Amino acid sequence: MLGMTLAWRLRAAGHEVTIIEGAAATGGLAAPETVGGFTWDRFYHVILLSDQRLRGLLTELGLEDRLRWGTTQTGFYTDGRLYSLSTSLEFLRFPPLSLLDKLRLALTILRASRIRDGRPLERIPVSEWLTRWSGRRTFARIWLPLLKSKLGENYRRASAAFIWAIIARMYAARRSGLKQELFGYVEGGYDVVLRRFRERLEAAGVRFVCGHPAGLVDSLPGAAGEGREVAVELSDGARLRFDDVILTVPCGRVARLCPGLSAAERERLERVTYQGIACLALVLKRPLAGYYVTNITESWVPFTAVIEMTALVDRAHFAGHTLVYLPCYLTQEDPLWQQGDAEIRERFVAALERMYPDFRREDIVAGTLSRVREVLAVSTLDYTAHCLPPLETSLPGVWVANSAQIANGTLNVNETVGLAEQAAAALLPRLARGSVARHAGVE
């Protein structure tokens, strides 16, 4: 979505644009997956009323009439029990915390929701900030397990800006007055969005090169009087030439693709800490509990949360079945990367049996496991000063626009679209001779 939105904006400004996608089809983290004959998003996504950038893009693509909205409920699994935390009354009755603990937790969320600039929070460890506002008991019982499930031991390196960004986004999902979560999705999922987006891009003249990952990007002096050129070497040996190249891949890949970067640039790129994900998507014969999201604080549960997508999406899309995501966020050193799909699936399903007494393995219609190494750039201490990758590199005509530049936000499609639009606005006055791909060709 980042590369496609960037291409959309640059093409609208008159540039010739080529999208090079290493996978067989476009989409990245928003790409669809087919599970048991049903096609939906590979990973879970939701649209909020406050997602103005994304909603504006959907309107441009003519998809606003396919947006569907609904209220959802939230579950919380702790101390071996499943609780509903969907209303203020349920929050007040939540047994694991005292009344004072609940008050401090509510004040923490309220405090975070009112902060408009998260940059000062980058100087404060997330554990310190949460303990200060919520208290030691609430931090130990609620926040610490949630942080570990999302970041593993990287929580020790994360700044308070990390949790602020999550709270601020989710707080915006609640309608004023009713205080209910109002979530949305495009009927048909991101498969519909991506298909329409590609159709519009191709109709506008954007060229797609899919299935051959880039292996090398090098800035070269152009022909006499023609200025600079940037060469992109693909895995099949093709060598494409452009006026400018914008890299939207994770920071580690930027460093590997561009050996000509300076030592200081490479060091900065390598400072970015990424979390990966392993996510089991299951199609079940019946619902689990009906909560869109169930947060989990039990360390024995091998996944971060239970996302019951059909608590929001009409089950008719899945012939009356239930679609569930079981995500597990991983550090790069986590041993789960070395485990086979069957082993991971067995651990996850066994945990579901323990959490939900009415769940049976026979309820599983189909399932698929997806893994991605570099998903979320962790907002570590002093992230903007020491890690945030700049748009411009030392290689003439080589630029970086990737999700690690979302310094004070949480990774989602709306933030990604916004990043692409900001990058396009910054690039337009600086691109060579008004054409990103005027010299596009194959050597």
Protein backbone atom coordinates (compact mmCIF):
# COMPACT_ATOMS: atom_id res chain seq x y z
CA MET A 1 0.00 0.00 0.00
CA LEU A 2 2.93 2.34 0.64
CA GLY A 3 4.50 1.84 -2.79
CA MET A 4 1.18 1.87 -4.62
CA THR A 5 -0.01 5.07 -2.92
CA LEU A 6 3.33 6.73 -3.59
CA ALA A 7 3.13 5.69 -7.24
CA TRP A 8 -0.45 6.99 -7.43
CA ARG A 9 0.57 10.44 -6.18
CA LEU A 10 3.70 10.71 -8.34
CA ARG A 11 1.89 9.61 -11.48
CA ALA A 12 -0.85 12.17 -10.81
CA ALA A 13 1.90 14.81 -10.79
CA GLY A 14 3.03 13.74 -14.27
CA HIS A 15 5.89 11.35 -13.54
CA GLU A 16 6.39 8.03 -15.26
CA VAL A 17 6.44 5.34 -12.58
CA THR A 18 7.41 1.67 -12.38
CA ILE A 19 6.58 -0.46 -9.33
CA ILE A 20 9.05 -3.30 -8.70
CA GLU A 21 7.48 -5.94 -6.43
CA GLY A 22 9.49 -8.98 -5.37
CA ALA A 23 6.38 -11.08 -4.68
CA ALA A 24 4.23 -12.54 -7.44
CA ALA A 25 1.45 -10.03 -6.67
CA THR A 26 1.21 -6.61 -5.04
CA GLY A 27 -0.10 -6.06 -1.54
CA GLY A 28 2.66 -6.77 0.97
CA LEU A 29 1.26 -6.97 4.51
CA ALA A 30 -2.19 -6.12 3.15
CA ALA A 31 -2.17 -8.97 0.61
CA PRO A 32 -5.02 -11.53 0.65
CA GLU A 33 -4.85 -15.21 1.58
CA THR A 34 -7.18 -18.08 0.69
CA VAL A 35 -8.10 -20.29 3.66
CA GLY A 36 -10.49 -23.19 3.13
CA GLY A 37 -11.70 -21.70 -0.14
CA PHE A 38 -12.41 -18.28 1.42
CA THR A 39 -10.30 -15.26 0.46
CA TRP A 40 -9.63 -12.55 3.03
CA ASP A 41 -6.68 -10.57 4.36
CA ARG A 42 -3.48 -12.47 5.13
CA PHE A 43 -3.18 -10.51 8.39
CA TYR A 44 -5.94 -8.79 10.33
CA HIS A 45 -6.82 -5.19 9.46
CA VAL A 46 -9.53 -2.81 10.59
CA ILE A 47 -10.57 0.69 9.51
CA LEU A 48 -11.46 3.38 12.05
CA LEU A 49 -13.75 6.36 11.53
CA SER A 50 -10.71 8.55 12.23
CA ASP A 51 -8.66 6.96 9.40
CA GLN A 52 -9.12 9.97 7.12
CA ARG A 53 -6.12 9.28 4.86
CA LEU A 54 -7.24 5.75 4.07
CA ARG A 55 -10.89 6.69 3.72
CA GLY A 56 -9.92 9.48 1.31
CA LEU A 57 -7.95 7.01 -0.83
CA LEU A 58 -10.86 4.55 -0.85
CA THR A 59 -13.10 7.37 -2.07
CA GLU A 60 -10.65 8.13 -4.91
CA LEU A 61 -10.73 4.45 -5.87
CA GLY A 62 -14.53 4.44 -5.92
CA LEU A 63 -14.82 2.04 -3.00
CA GLU A 64 -16.52 4.23 -0.40
CA ASP A 65 -19.83 2.48 -1.07
CA ARG A 66 -18.26 -0.84 -0.05
CA LEU A 67 -17.27 0.36 3.42
CA ARG A 68 -19.16 -1.44 6.18
CA TRP A 69 -19.26 -0.29 9.82
CA GLY A 70 -20.16 -2.02 13.04
CA THR A 71 -19.71 -1.95 16.79
CA THR A 72 -17.59 -4.63 18.41
CA GLN A 73 -16.85 -6.02 21.84
CA THR A 74 -13.53 -6.52 23.60
CA GLY A 75 -12.45 -9.51 25.67
CA PHE A 76 -9.65 -9.90 28.18
CA TYR A 77 -8.08 -13.22 29.15
CA THR A 78 -6.24 -13.21 32.47
CA ASP A 79 -5.85 -15.52 35.47
CA GLY A 80 -7.22 -18.36 33.37
CA ARG A 81 -10.55 -16.62 32.76
CA LEU A 82 -12.17 -14.74 29.91
CA TYR A 83 -13.76 -11.39 30.79
CA SER A 84 -15.75 -8.92 28.74
CA LEU A 85 -14.37 -5.37 28.84
CA SER A 86 -16.76 -3.76 26.39
CA THR A 87 -18.53 -1.27 28.66
CA SER A 88 -17.63 1.06 31.51
CA LEU A 89 -19.63 -1.11 33.92
CA GLU A 90 -17.70 -4.22 32.90
CA PHE A 91 -14.47 -2.32 33.41
CA LEU A 92 -15.55 -1.33 36.93
CA ARG A 93 -16.38 -4.97 37.70
CA PHE A 94 -13.05 -6.29 36.31
CA PRO A 95 -11.83 -8.50 39.23
CA PRO A 96 -8.04 -8.56 38.68
CA LEU A 97 -7.68 -4.86 39.56
CA SER A 98 -8.77 -2.86 42.59
CA LEU A 99 -10.89 0.24 42.20
CA LEU A 100 -7.81 2.41 42.64
CA ASP A 101 -5.92 0.36 40.04
CA LYS A 102 -8.79 0.81 37.59
CA LEU A 103 -8.89 4.53 38.21
CA ARG A 104 -5.16 4.87 37.52
CA LEU A 105 -5.44 2.69 34.40
CA ALA A 106 -8.29 4.84 33.09
CA LEU A 107 -6.32 8.00 33.81
CA THR A 108 -3.32 6.56 31.95
CA ILE A 109 -5.43 5.96 28.86
CA LEU A 110 -7.05 9.38 29.16
CA ARG A 111 -3.66 11.04 29.60
CA ALA A 112 -2.24 9.28 26.51
CA SER A 113 -5.30 10.15 24.42
CA ARG A 114 -4.78 13.85 25.09
CA ILE A 115 -1.11 13.97 24.08
CA ARG A 116 -0.77 15.38 20.56
CA ASP A 117 3.00 15.12 20.03
CA GLY A 118 4.66 11.85 21.03
CA ARG A 119 8.23 12.96 20.39
CA PRO A 120 8.95 14.00 24.01
CA LEU A 121 7.86 10.49 25.06
CA GLU A 122 10.73 9.00 23.04
CA ARG A 123 13.06 9.96 25.88
CA ILE A 124 11.12 7.95 28.50
CA PRO A 125 11.20 4.12 28.78
CA VAL A 126 7.71 2.69 28.29
CA SER A 127 7.91 0.73 31.56
CA GLU A 128 8.82 3.87 33.51
CA TRP A 129 6.01 5.96 32.02
CA LEU A 130 3.33 3.29 32.53
CA THR A 131 4.43 2.59 36.09
CA ARG A 132 4.37 6.32 36.88
CA TRP A 133 0.80 6.73 35.65
CA SER A 134 -0.78 3.32 36.31
CA GLY A 135 1.13 2.17 39.39
CA ARG A 136 3.36 -0.83 39.97
CA ARG A 137 0.54 -3.34 40.47
CA THR A 138 -1.33 -2.44 37.29
CA PHE A 139 1.91 -2.37 35.35
CA ALA A 140 2.83 -5.87 36.59
CA ARG A 141 -0.67 -7.35 36.14
CA ILE A 142 -1.75 -5.71 32.87
CA TRP A 143 0.81 -3.62 31.02
CA LEU A 144 3.92 -5.80 31.36
CA PRO A 145 2.29 -8.99 30.01
CA LEU A 146 0.80 -7.02 27.11
CA LEU A 147 4.15 -5.38 26.33
CA LYS A 148 5.94 -8.73 26.40
CA SER A 149 3.34 -10.31 24.14
CA LYS A 150 3.83 -7.54 21.58
CA LEU A 151 7.56 -6.84 21.92
CA GLY A 152 9.16 -9.72 23.80
CA GLU A 153 12.31 -8.55 25.56
CA ASN A 154 12.40 -5.56 23.21
CA TYR A 155 9.95 -3.91 25.61
CA ARG A 156 13.02 -2.96 27.66
CA ARG A 157 14.23 -0.83 24.72
CA ALA A 158 10.87 0.69 23.79
CA SER A 159 9.94 4.26 24.61
CA ALA A 160 6.65 5.54 25.98
CA ALA A 161 5.86 6.75 22.43
CA PHE A 162 5.16 3.12 21.52
CA ILE A 163 2.21 2.67 23.88
CA TRP A 164 1.03 6.25 23.37
CA ALA A 165 0.60 5.64 19.63
CA ILE A 166 -1.48 2.50 20.23
CA ILE A 167 -3.71 4.13 22.85
CA ALA A 168 -4.21 7.27 20.76
CA ARG A 169 -5.32 5.30 17.71
CA MET A 170 -7.69 2.97 19.55
CA TYR A 171 -9.17 5.78 21.63
CA ALA A 172 -10.09 7.51 18.37
CA ALA A 173 -12.21 4.46 17.48
CA ARG A 174 -14.73 5.31 20.17
CA ARG A 175 -17.60 7.53 19.20
CA SER A 176 -18.04 10.50 21.51
CA GLY A 177 -21.06 10.11 23.76
CA LEU A 178 -21.75 6.43 23.15
CA LYS A 179 -18.11 5.47 23.77
CA GLN A 180 -18.53 2.37 21.61
CA GLU A 181 -15.89 0.98 19.31
CA LEU A 182 -16.96 1.57 15.71
CA PHE A 183 -14.81 -0.39 13.29
CA GLY A 184 -15.02 -0.81 9.54
CA TYR A 185 -13.86 -2.91 6.61
CA VAL A 186 -14.20 -2.95 2.85
CA GLU A 187 -16.63 -5.61 1.71
CA GLY A 188 -14.45 -8.31 0.19
CA GLY A 189 -11.38 -7.26 2.20
CA TYR A 190 -8.13 -5.81 0.91
CA ASP A 191 -8.26 -8.19 -2.04
CA VAL A 192 -10.91 -5.87 -3.49
CA VAL A 193 -8.89 -2.76 -2.61
CA LEU A 194 -5.67 -4.05 -4.15
CA ARG A 195 -7.34 -5.24 -7.34
CA ARG A 196 -9.05 -1.89 -7.85
CA PHE A 197 -5.88 0.01 -6.97
CA ARG A 198 -3.80 -1.90 -9.49
CA GLU A 199 -6.45 -1.43 -12.19
CA ARG A 200 -6.42 2.33 -11.63
CA LEU A 201 -2.63 2.50 -11.54
CA GLU A 202 -2.25 0.53 -14.77
CA ALA A 203 -4.96 2.61 -16.45
CA ALA A 204 -2.96 5.70 -15.46
CA GLY A 205 0.17 4.26 -17.08
CA VAL A 206 2.04 2.85 -14.08
CA ARG A 207 4.12 -0.18 -15.02
CA PHE A 208 4.37 -3.24 -12.72
CA VAL A 209 7.33 -5.62 -12.54
CA CYS A 210 6.40 -8.47 -10.19
CA GLY A 211 8.00 -11.75 -9.15
CA HIS A 212 11.64 -10.66 -9.44
CA PRO A 213 13.04 -9.05 -6.27
CA ALA A 214 15.62 -6.32 -6.59
CA GLY A 215 19.11 -7.46 -5.67
CA LEU A 216 21.17 -4.30 -6.17
CA VAL A 217 20.52 -0.56 -6.46
CA ASP A 218 23.34 1.65 -7.67
CA SER A 219 23.57 5.35 -8.53
CA LEU A 220 25.45 5.96 -11.79
CA PRO A 221 26.56 9.02 -13.73
CA GLY A 222 24.19 9.52 -16.68
CA ALA A 223 25.04 9.95 -20.32
CA ALA A 224 26.49 13.29 -21.45
CA GLY A 225 24.06 16.05 -20.65
CA GLU A 226 21.53 13.65 -19.16
CA GLY A 227 22.45 13.90 -15.46
CA ARG A 228 22.22 10.96 -13.08
CA GLU A 229 20.86 7.45 -13.50
CA VAL A 230 20.00 4.74 -10.98
CA ALA A 231 20.36 1.10 -11.94
CA VAL A 232 18.21 -1.63 -10.37
CA GLU A 233 19.38 -5.21 -10.84
CA LEU A 234 16.67 -7.86 -10.49
CA SER A 235 16.95 -11.49 -9.42
CA ASP A 236 16.47 -12.68 -13.02
CA GLY A 237 19.49 -10.66 -14.15
CA ALA A 238 17.53 -7.81 -15.75
CA ARG A 239 19.02 -4.38 -15.15
CA LEU A 240 16.58 -1.48 -15.20
CA ARG A 241 17.61 2.19 -15.34
CA PHE A 242 15.73 5.14 -13.87
CA ASP A 243 16.19 8.78 -13.03
CA ASP A 244 15.19 8.11 -9.41
CA VAL A 245 14.48 5.06 -7.28
CA ILE A 246 12.45 5.12 -4.06
CA LEU A 247 13.03 2.19 -1.69
CA THR A 248 10.00 1.19 0.38
CA VAL A 249 11.52 -1.98 1.85
CA PRO A 250 12.62 -2.44 5.51
CA CYS A 251 15.82 -0.77 6.67
CA GLY A 252 17.98 -3.89 6.68
CA ARG A 253 17.09 -4.56 3.06
CA VAL A 254 17.89 -0.97 2.13
CA ALA A 255 21.40 -1.49 3.50
CA ARG A 256 21.81 -4.76 1.60
CA LEU A 257 20.45 -3.36 -1.67
CA CYS A 258 22.73 -0.30 -1.61
CA PRO A 259 26.36 -1.22 -0.91
CA GLY A 260 27.33 2.32 -1.90
CA LEU A 261 25.74 3.87 1.19
CA SER A 262 28.09 5.51 3.68
CA ALA A 263 29.09 3.73 6.90
CA ALA A 264 27.08 6.26 8.93
CA GLU A 265 23.94 5.61 6.85
CA ARG A 266 24.29 1.85 7.20
CA GLU A 267 24.81 2.15 10.95
CA ARG A 268 21.66 4.24 11.32
CA LEU A 269 19.61 1.79 9.25
CA GLU A 270 20.87 -1.15 11.29
CA ARG A 271 19.83 0.54 14.55
CA VAL A 272 16.16 0.06 13.68
CA THR A 273 14.75 -2.87 15.67
CA TYR A 274 12.03 -4.87 13.93
CA GLN A 275 9.41 -7.20 15.34
CA GLY A 276 8.23 -10.03 13.12
CA ILE A 277 4.98 -11.95 13.15
CA ALA A 278 3.71 -15.50 12.86
CA CYS A 279 -0.07 -15.54 12.41
CA LEU A 280 -2.34 -18.56 12.23
CA ALA A 281 -5.62 -17.89 10.40
CA LEU A 282 -8.35 -20.43 11.14
CA VAL A 283 -11.77 -20.93 9.62
CA LEU A 284 -14.03 -22.46 12.29
CA LYS A 285 -17.51 -23.93 12.19
CA ARG A 286 -18.72 -21.67 15.00
CA PRO A 287 -17.66 -18.57 16.94
CA LEU A 288 -15.33 -18.67 19.91
CA ALA A 289 -16.67 -15.88 22.13
CA GLY A 290 -17.84 -13.11 19.83
CA TYR A 291 -15.20 -10.53 20.79
CA TYR A 292 -13.41 -8.80 17.93
CA VAL A 293 -10.22 -8.71 19.98
CA THR A 294 -9.34 -10.62 23.13
CA ASN A 295 -6.23 -9.29 24.86
CA ILE A 296 -4.15 -11.87 26.72
CA THR A 297 -1.88 -11.53 29.78
CA GLU A 298 -1.19 -15.22 30.41
CA SER A 299 2.44 -16.07 29.58
CA TRP A 300 1.65 -19.70 28.71
CA VAL A 301 -0.54 -18.64 25.75
CA PRO A 302 1.73 -18.74 22.67
CA PHE A 303 -0.10 -16.01 20.73
CA THR A 304 -0.56 -12.30 21.43
CA ALA A 305 -4.33 -12.01 21.07
CA VAL A 306 -7.39 -13.66 19.57
CA ILE A 307 -8.87 -11.68 16.68
CA GLU A 308 -12.33 -12.97 15.80
CA MET A 309 -12.72 -11.20 12.47
CA THR A 310 -16.29 -12.34 11.93
CA ALA A 311 -17.34 -10.49 15.08
CA LEU A 312 -17.10 -7.53 12.67
CA VAL A 313 -17.24 -8.99 9.15
CA ASP A 314 -20.51 -10.58 8.07
CA ARG A 315 -20.15 -14.36 8.43
CA ALA A 316 -22.05 -14.74 5.17
CA HIS A 317 -18.71 -13.98 3.46
CA PHE A 318 -17.48 -17.29 4.92
CA ALA A 319 -20.60 -19.40 4.37
CA GLY A 320 -21.60 -18.90 8.00
CA HIS A 321 -18.18 -19.92 9.35
CA THR A 322 -15.94 -17.93 11.69
CA LEU A 323 -12.57 -16.42 10.73
CA VAL A 324 -10.05 -16.17 13.58
CA TYR A 325 -6.49 -14.78 13.60
CA LEU A 326 -3.96 -15.87 16.22
CA PRO A 327 -1.00 -13.48 15.88
CA CYS A 328 2.32 -13.90 17.66
CA TYR A 329 4.79 -11.00 17.50
CA LEU A 330 8.42 -12.12 17.58
CA THR A 331 11.86 -10.69 18.13
CA GLN A 332 14.41 -11.61 15.47
CA GLU A 333 16.02 -14.06 17.92
CA ASP A 334 12.84 -15.92 18.87
CA PRO A 335 13.22 -19.72 18.52
CA LEU A 336 9.76 -19.93 16.96
CA TRP A 337 11.31 -18.87 13.63
CA GLN A 338 13.03 -22.27 13.54
CA GLN A 339 9.86 -24.28 14.25
CA GLY A 340 7.82 -25.95 11.54
CA ASP A 341 4.28 -24.89 10.62
CA ALA A 342 2.75 -28.10 12.02
CA GLU A 343 4.47 -27.63 15.39
CA ILE A 344 3.32 -24.02 15.69
CA ARG A 345 -0.23 -24.88 14.68
CA GLU A 346 -0.38 -27.64 17.29
CA ARG A 347 0.77 -25.26 20.07
CA PHE A 348 -1.75 -22.62 19.05
CA VAL A 349 -4.69 -25.03 18.75
CA ALA A 350 -3.85 -26.65 22.11
CA ALA A 351 -3.92 -23.19 23.72
CA LEU A 352 -7.33 -22.49 22.17
CA GLU A 353 -8.66 -25.71 23.68
CA ARG A 354 -7.45 -24.62 27.11
CA MET A 355 -8.82 -21.08 26.79
CA TYR A 356 -12.23 -21.99 25.36
CA PRO A 357 -13.77 -25.12 26.94
CA ASP A 358 -16.44 -25.34 24.22
CA PHE A 359 -13.89 -25.26 21.38
CA ARG A 360 -13.16 -28.58 19.66
CA ARG A 361 -10.52 -29.42 17.06
CA GLU A 362 -13.34 -30.75 14.92
CA ASP A 363 -14.54 -27.14 14.64
CA ILE A 364 -11.54 -26.31 12.43
CA VAL A 365 -12.48 -26.17 8.75
CA ALA A 366 -9.08 -24.96 7.49
CA GLY A 367 -6.04 -23.00 8.59
CA THR A 368 -2.89 -21.39 7.24
CA LEU A 369 0.21 -19.97 8.93
CA SER A 370 1.92 -16.82 7.67
CA ARG A 371 5.27 -15.44 8.81
CA VAL A 372 7.02 -12.15 8.08
CA ARG A 373 10.37 -11.24 9.64
CA GLU A 374 10.29 -7.43 9.46
CA VAL A 375 6.88 -5.99 10.25
CA LEU A 376 6.98 -3.39 12.99
CA ALA A 377 9.81 -0.93 13.65
CA VAL A 378 9.92 -0.60 17.44
CA SER A 379 9.83 2.95 18.79
CA THR A 380 13.01 2.63 20.83
CA LEU A 381 14.46 5.34 23.08
CA ASP A 382 15.41 8.51 21.17
CA TYR A 383 14.12 6.89 18.00
CA THR A 384 13.77 10.04 15.90
CA ALA A 385 17.25 11.27 16.78
CA HIS A 386 19.14 8.00 16.35
CA CYS A 387 17.12 5.59 14.17
CA LEU A 388 14.58 7.34 11.95
CA PRO A 389 15.79 6.85 8.34
CA PRO A 390 15.91 10.09 6.33
CA LEU A 391 14.17 10.40 2.97
CA GLU A 392 17.38 11.28 1.12
CA THR A 393 20.45 9.06 0.87
CA SER A 394 24.01 9.90 -0.13
CA LEU A 395 23.44 8.10 -3.44
CA PRO A 396 22.10 10.62 -6.00
CA GLY A 397 18.59 9.68 -7.07
CA VAL A 398 18.13 7.03 -4.35
CA TRP A 399 15.45 7.76 -1.73
CA VAL A 400 13.95 5.86 1.21
CA ALA A 401 10.25 5.88 2.14
CA ASN A 402 9.45 3.00 4.46
CA SER A 403 7.32 2.26 7.51
CA ALA A 404 10.25 2.85 9.88
CA GLN A 405 9.59 6.53 9.21
CA ILE A 406 6.31 6.27 11.15
CA ALA A 407 8.02 7.58 14.26
CA ASN A 408 5.02 8.72 16.27
CA GLY A 409 2.30 6.39 15.16
CA THR A 410 1.47 2.71 15.08
CA LEU A 411 1.79 0.64 11.92
CA ASN A 412 -1.54 0.39 10.11
CA VAL A 413 -2.83 1.08 6.61
CA ASN A 414 -4.01 4.61 7.41
CA GLU A 415 -0.56 5.61 8.73
CA THR A 416 1.02 3.94 5.69
CA VAL A 417 -1.13 5.94 3.26
CA GLY A 418 -0.34 9.11 5.17
CA LEU A 419 3.40 8.36 5.04
CA ALA A 420 3.21 7.83 1.27
CA GLU A 421 1.44 11.14 0.77
CA GLN A 422 3.96 13.00 2.94
CA ALA A 423 6.84 11.37 1.07
CA ALA A 424 5.32 12.27 -2.31
CA ALA A 425 4.91 15.90 -1.27
CA ALA A 426 8.54 16.05 -0.14
CA LEU A 427 9.85 14.26 -3.25
CA LEU A 428 8.02 16.16 -5.98
CA PRO A 429 10.23 19.28 -5.89
CA ARG A 430 13.39 17.17 -5.74
CA LEU A 431 13.01 14.45 -8.37
CA ALA A 432 15.27 14.56 -11.42
CA ARG A 433 13.98 16.52 -14.41
CA GLY A 434 10.35 15.82 -13.59
CA SER A 435 10.39 12.10 -14.40
CA VAL A 436 10.96 9.20 -12.04
CA ALA A 437 11.33 6.68 -14.86
CA ARG A 438 11.95 8.60 -18.08
CA HIS A 439 15.04 6.52 -18.83
CA ALA A 440 13.43 3.23 -17.78
CA GLY A 441 14.93 0.46 -19.81
CA VAL A 442 16.56 -2.96 -19.67
CA GLU A 443 20.23 -3.58 -20.24
